[in-house]
Protein backbone atom coordinates (compact mmCIF):
# COMPACT_ATOMS: atom_id res chain seq x y z
CA UNK A 1 220.70 192.11 55.71
CA UNK A 2 217.00 191.25 55.19
CA UNK A 3 215.35 192.47 52.01
CA UNK A 4 213.27 195.68 52.28
CA UNK A 5 209.60 195.26 53.15
CA UNK A 6 207.17 195.79 50.26
CA UNK A 7 203.50 196.13 51.20
CA UNK A 8 202.13 195.05 47.83
CA UNK A 9 198.78 196.25 46.44
CA UNK A 10 196.59 198.22 48.86
CA UNK A 11 193.01 199.53 48.61
CA UNK A 12 192.42 203.28 48.51
CA UNK A 13 191.08 203.34 52.08
CA UNK A 14 194.26 201.89 53.57
CA UNK A 15 195.41 203.98 56.54
CA UNK A 16 198.98 202.67 56.56
CA UNK A 17 201.38 205.61 56.05
CA UNK A 18 203.78 205.64 53.13
CA UNK A 19 206.85 203.57 53.90
CA UNK A 20 205.23 201.74 56.81
CA UNK A 21 206.85 198.49 57.83
CA UNK A 22 203.50 196.71 57.80
CA UNK A 23 200.76 196.13 55.24
CA UNK A 24 197.60 198.22 55.47
CA UNK A 25 195.68 195.01 54.79
CA UNK A 26 196.31 194.02 58.41
CA UNK A 27 193.86 196.76 59.46
CA UNK A 28 191.07 195.42 57.18
CA UNK A 29 190.03 198.75 55.61
CA UNK A 30 186.65 199.31 53.98
CA UNK A 31 187.02 198.63 50.26
CA UNK A 32 184.79 199.37 47.28
CA UNK A 33 183.72 195.72 47.33
CA UNK A 34 181.81 196.55 50.52
CA UNK A 35 178.71 198.59 51.23
CA UNK A 36 176.97 199.39 54.48
CA UNK A 37 173.36 198.30 54.85
CA UNK A 38 171.91 200.61 57.51
CA UNK A 39 168.51 199.18 58.37
CA UNK A 40 167.65 201.38 61.34
CA UNK A 41 166.93 204.59 59.40
CA UNK A 42 164.28 206.04 57.11
CA UNK A 43 165.04 208.97 54.82
CA UNK A 44 163.35 211.98 53.25
CA UNK A 45 164.30 214.38 50.42
CA UNK A 46 164.43 218.01 51.63
CA UNK A 47 164.50 220.98 49.24
CA UNK A 48 165.23 223.82 51.67
CA UNK A 49 167.37 224.50 54.72
CA UNK A 50 169.68 221.75 55.92
CA UNK A 51 169.39 218.32 57.54
CA UNK A 52 168.93 218.31 61.30
CA UNK A 53 171.17 215.24 61.41
CA UNK A 54 173.13 214.78 58.17
CA UNK A 55 174.32 211.58 56.58
CA UNK A 56 177.99 211.14 57.44
CA UNK A 57 179.30 208.64 54.90
CA UNK A 58 179.02 207.99 51.18
CA UNK A 59 178.03 204.39 51.92
CA UNK A 60 174.86 205.43 53.73
CA UNK A 61 174.24 208.22 51.20
CA UNK A 62 174.10 205.92 48.20
CA UNK A 63 171.98 203.36 50.03
CA UNK A 64 169.55 206.06 51.15
CA UNK A 65 169.29 207.44 47.60
CA UNK A 66 168.45 203.98 46.27
CA UNK A 67 165.75 203.58 48.91
CA UNK A 68 164.20 206.96 48.12
CA UNK A 69 164.20 206.46 44.35
CA UNK A 70 163.47 202.72 44.59
CA UNK A 71 166.20 201.99 42.07
CA UNK A 72 169.91 201.29 41.99
CA UNK A 73 170.23 202.85 38.51
CA UNK A 74 171.72 206.19 39.51
CA UNK A 75 175.07 207.90 39.23
CA UNK A 76 177.02 207.86 42.50
CA UNK A 77 179.72 210.44 43.09
CA UNK A 78 181.78 211.78 45.97
CA UNK A 79 183.80 214.98 46.17
CA UNK A 80 184.06 218.54 47.46
CA UNK A 81 181.57 220.98 45.96
CA UNK A 82 180.74 224.36 47.58
CA UNK A 83 177.70 224.77 45.30
CA UNK A 84 176.00 221.64 46.69
CA UNK A 85 174.56 220.92 50.13
CA UNK A 86 176.76 219.23 52.73
CA UNK A 87 176.46 215.49 53.08
CA UNK A 88 174.10 213.63 50.75
CA UNK A 89 172.04 215.16 47.94
CA UNK A 90 170.04 214.11 44.88
CA UNK A 91 169.77 215.84 41.52
CA UNK A 92 168.90 215.08 37.92
CA UNK A 93 171.84 213.72 35.95
CA UNK A 94 172.88 215.59 32.82
CA UNK A 95 174.19 212.59 30.94
CA UNK A 96 172.28 211.52 27.82
CA UNK A 97 171.74 207.79 27.85
CA UNK A 98 172.93 207.47 31.44
CA UNK A 99 171.08 207.23 34.76
CA UNK A 100 168.37 209.82 35.29
CA UNK A 101 169.46 210.72 38.82
CA UNK A 102 172.71 211.58 40.54
CA UNK A 103 173.53 210.92 44.19
CA UNK A 104 176.38 213.11 45.43
CA UNK A 105 178.18 212.92 48.77
CA UNK A 106 179.76 216.27 49.54
CA UNK A 107 182.91 216.25 51.66
CA UNK A 108 182.81 220.04 52.10
CA UNK A 109 182.04 221.22 55.67
CA UNK A 110 178.59 222.77 56.24
CA UNK A 111 180.16 226.23 56.53
CA UNK A 112 181.56 225.91 53.00
CA UNK A 113 178.54 224.33 51.29
CA UNK A 114 175.17 225.44 49.94
CA UNK A 115 171.69 224.90 51.34
CA UNK A 116 169.23 222.27 50.17
CA UNK A 117 167.28 223.29 47.05
CA UNK A 118 164.93 221.94 44.43
CA UNK A 119 167.91 221.44 42.11
CA UNK A 120 169.93 219.59 44.77
CA UNK A 121 167.64 218.00 47.32
CA UNK A 122 169.20 216.91 50.59
CA UNK A 123 168.77 213.30 51.67
CA UNK A 124 168.15 213.44 55.42
CA UNK A 125 167.35 210.83 58.06
CA UNK A 126 163.73 211.36 59.16
CA UNK A 127 164.38 210.17 62.69
CA UNK A 128 167.99 210.65 63.65
CA UNK A 129 169.45 207.56 65.32
CA UNK A 130 171.83 208.45 68.16
CA UNK A 131 175.47 207.59 67.69
CA UNK A 132 176.17 203.96 68.53
CA UNK A 133 172.57 202.80 68.13
CA UNK A 134 172.35 202.36 64.36
CA UNK A 135 171.76 198.80 63.21
CA UNK A 136 172.85 197.15 60.00
CA UNK A 137 175.69 195.15 58.49
CA UNK A 138 178.61 195.32 56.08
CA UNK A 139 177.76 193.60 52.77
CA UNK A 140 180.31 192.10 50.36
CA UNK A 141 179.76 192.44 46.60
CA UNK A 142 181.39 189.71 44.55
CA UNK A 143 183.08 190.82 41.34
CA UNK A 144 183.50 188.92 38.07
CA UNK A 145 187.11 188.07 38.89
CA UNK A 146 187.51 184.27 38.95
CA UNK A 147 189.47 184.40 42.20
CA UNK A 148 186.79 186.46 43.96
CA UNK A 149 184.63 183.99 45.87
CA UNK A 150 183.62 186.18 48.82
CA UNK A 151 179.96 186.77 49.56
CA UNK A 152 177.43 187.58 52.24
CA UNK A 153 177.23 189.95 55.21
CA UNK A 154 179.36 190.32 58.29
CA UNK A 155 177.82 189.93 61.73
CA UNK A 156 175.40 192.82 62.29
CA UNK A 157 175.78 195.97 64.29
CA UNK A 158 173.05 195.97 66.89
CA UNK A 159 172.21 198.06 69.91
CA UNK A 160 169.94 196.13 72.25
CA UNK A 161 169.50 195.51 75.93
CA UNK A 162 170.81 191.97 75.44
CA UNK A 163 174.04 193.21 73.90
CA UNK A 164 173.49 191.96 70.33
CA UNK A 165 176.55 191.30 68.20
CA UNK A 166 178.57 194.50 67.91
CA UNK A 167 177.79 197.13 70.50
CA UNK A 168 179.95 199.58 72.45
CA UNK A 169 179.02 199.70 76.09
CA UNK A 170 178.55 203.09 77.77
CA UNK A 171 180.70 204.57 80.50
CA UNK A 172 182.02 203.34 82.92
CA UNK A 173 182.34 200.02 81.06
CA UNK A 174 183.95 201.82 78.10
CA UNK A 175 184.70 205.35 76.89
CA UNK A 176 184.38 204.47 73.18
CA UNK A 177 180.93 206.05 72.87
CA UNK A 178 182.02 209.22 74.62
CA UNK A 179 184.87 209.59 72.14
CA UNK A 180 182.60 208.68 69.20
CA UNK A 181 184.90 205.88 68.12
CA UNK A 182 183.97 204.90 64.53
CA UNK A 183 183.91 201.22 65.43
CA UNK A 184 180.76 201.81 67.53
CA UNK A 185 178.48 202.85 64.66
CA UNK A 186 178.04 201.27 61.25
CA UNK A 187 177.48 204.69 59.67
CA UNK A 188 180.99 205.78 60.74
CA UNK A 189 182.75 202.41 60.54
CA UNK A 190 186.08 202.62 58.68
CA UNK A 191 187.35 199.06 58.88
CA UNK A 192 188.34 196.24 61.17
CA UNK A 193 187.29 192.64 61.70
CA UNK A 194 183.77 193.28 60.37
CA UNK A 195 185.31 194.20 57.00
CA UNK A 196 187.48 191.10 57.02
CA UNK A 197 185.19 188.07 56.77
CA UNK A 198 186.11 184.68 55.35
CA UNK A 199 187.31 184.80 51.71
CA UNK A 200 186.58 188.52 51.33
CA UNK A 201 189.17 190.26 49.17
CA UNK A 202 190.81 193.22 50.88
CA UNK A 203 191.42 195.09 47.62
CA UNK A 204 189.06 197.46 45.79
CA UNK A 205 186.69 196.11 43.18
CA UNK A 206 188.77 197.43 40.27
CA UNK A 207 191.97 195.85 41.60
CA UNK A 208 192.69 192.29 40.43
CA UNK A 209 193.35 189.70 43.10
CA UNK A 210 197.05 188.84 42.68
CA UNK A 211 198.71 185.45 43.02
CA UNK A 212 195.43 183.55 42.90
CA UNK A 213 195.88 180.04 44.25
CA UNK A 214 199.47 180.74 45.24
CA UNK A 215 200.20 181.48 48.90
CA UNK A 216 202.63 184.36 49.35
CA UNK A 217 206.11 183.23 50.32
CA UNK A 218 208.96 185.11 51.91
CA UNK A 219 212.47 183.88 51.21
CA UNK A 220 215.60 185.15 52.91
CA UNK A 221 219.11 183.68 53.03
CA UNK A 222 220.05 182.35 56.45
CA UNK A 223 223.09 180.59 57.87
CA UNK A 224 223.30 178.75 61.16
CA UNK A 225 226.36 177.69 63.08
CA UNK A 226 226.68 175.71 66.28
CA UNK A 227 229.45 176.26 68.83
CA UNK A 228 229.82 175.08 72.43
CA UNK A 229 228.90 177.72 74.97
CA UNK A 230 230.20 178.04 78.53
CA UNK A 231 227.86 177.05 81.31
CA UNK A 232 226.75 180.42 82.63
CA UNK A 233 223.99 179.06 84.88
CA UNK A 234 225.20 178.20 88.39
CA UNK A 235 223.95 174.93 89.86
CA UNK A 236 220.61 175.24 91.61
CA UNK A 237 219.92 174.01 95.14
CA UNK A 238 216.83 174.10 97.26
CA UNK A 239 216.79 176.61 100.10
CA UNK A 240 219.50 178.95 101.32
CA UNK A 241 222.95 177.51 102.01
CA UNK A 242 224.06 177.29 105.68
CA UNK A 243 225.62 180.44 107.09
CA UNK A 244 223.65 182.98 105.02
CA UNK A 245 221.70 185.68 106.92
CA UNK A 246 218.35 184.33 105.76
CA UNK A 247 219.20 180.78 106.86
CA UNK A 248 220.58 181.91 110.23
CA UNK A 249 217.61 184.19 110.89
CA UNK A 250 215.21 181.36 110.12
CA UNK A 251 217.12 179.02 112.46
CA UNK A 252 216.84 181.47 115.36
CA UNK A 253 213.12 182.00 114.80
CA UNK A 254 212.08 178.44 114.09
CA UNK A 255 214.76 176.44 115.84
CA UNK A 256 217.25 174.14 114.29
CA UNK A 257 216.35 172.67 110.87
C-alpha cells in the first residue's frame, strides 16, 4: 500500500481543495511575493458617488494608491467593510508613528458597501480599459530568505494587433474573452505559468522555503518478481490465409494471386 499523499506547505491563494491528491503548487497560484504592475491605466481619487469601472483586485488597488500618493509608505489592507466604498479606497491612517495613509481593498459587493466620501476616497481608473486589453506584468519580490533567489518580471500581458505575448483572441478563435476568463486580463489573473517563472518561490513571503538545496524525494517499498508467461500472441502472417471470405472474394475480383 503506497503511503498517503501529503501536499506540503501551500500559499494562501492555493485553489487545491482540502484532501486533494495533488499539490496546489502545480497550479502556480499568485503568492504574496508577487505584485501586478498594470501599466495601461491612470487613476483618480473620487470623493463622491462610485467608480464607473471599479478596481477589481487588491494587487491593482495597492499599486494605484502608490501611484496617486507617489509613495510606497502606506498601510495596505484587504477585508469586508460595509462602511467603506466597494473596491479600492484611500484614507488617513490612525496609527501614531505609522504610515500616514491607508489603502483598503473592500471585498464587500457594491450593494453592501458605502459610497465614496472625503473620509474614504475611491481610487478609480480614469479611462476604463476593456476586459482583456490591460497591459502589464507580474513582478516577483525577493525576500531576505537565503534560499530565495527569484527576481524580475514574467512575460508581459499585451493586447496588440500583432498578438503581443499574452493575449486571448476573440470569438470565433476562442471564447475565453466572452466568458471573462481571468487568464485574459492581468487585473483578474489568479495564477498559472505567468506566476511560475524560473526560480520563483511558490510560497507566500512569510513562509520559509523548505528543504533548501535538497531535492524532494519520494521513497516507497517495491518488490519485483519475474515468472515465465504463456505466449498469448498468435503468430502473425501477411495477408489473409487461403479459404477465408476476404481472400476468396479478392481472388474472384482480381483473379488468381
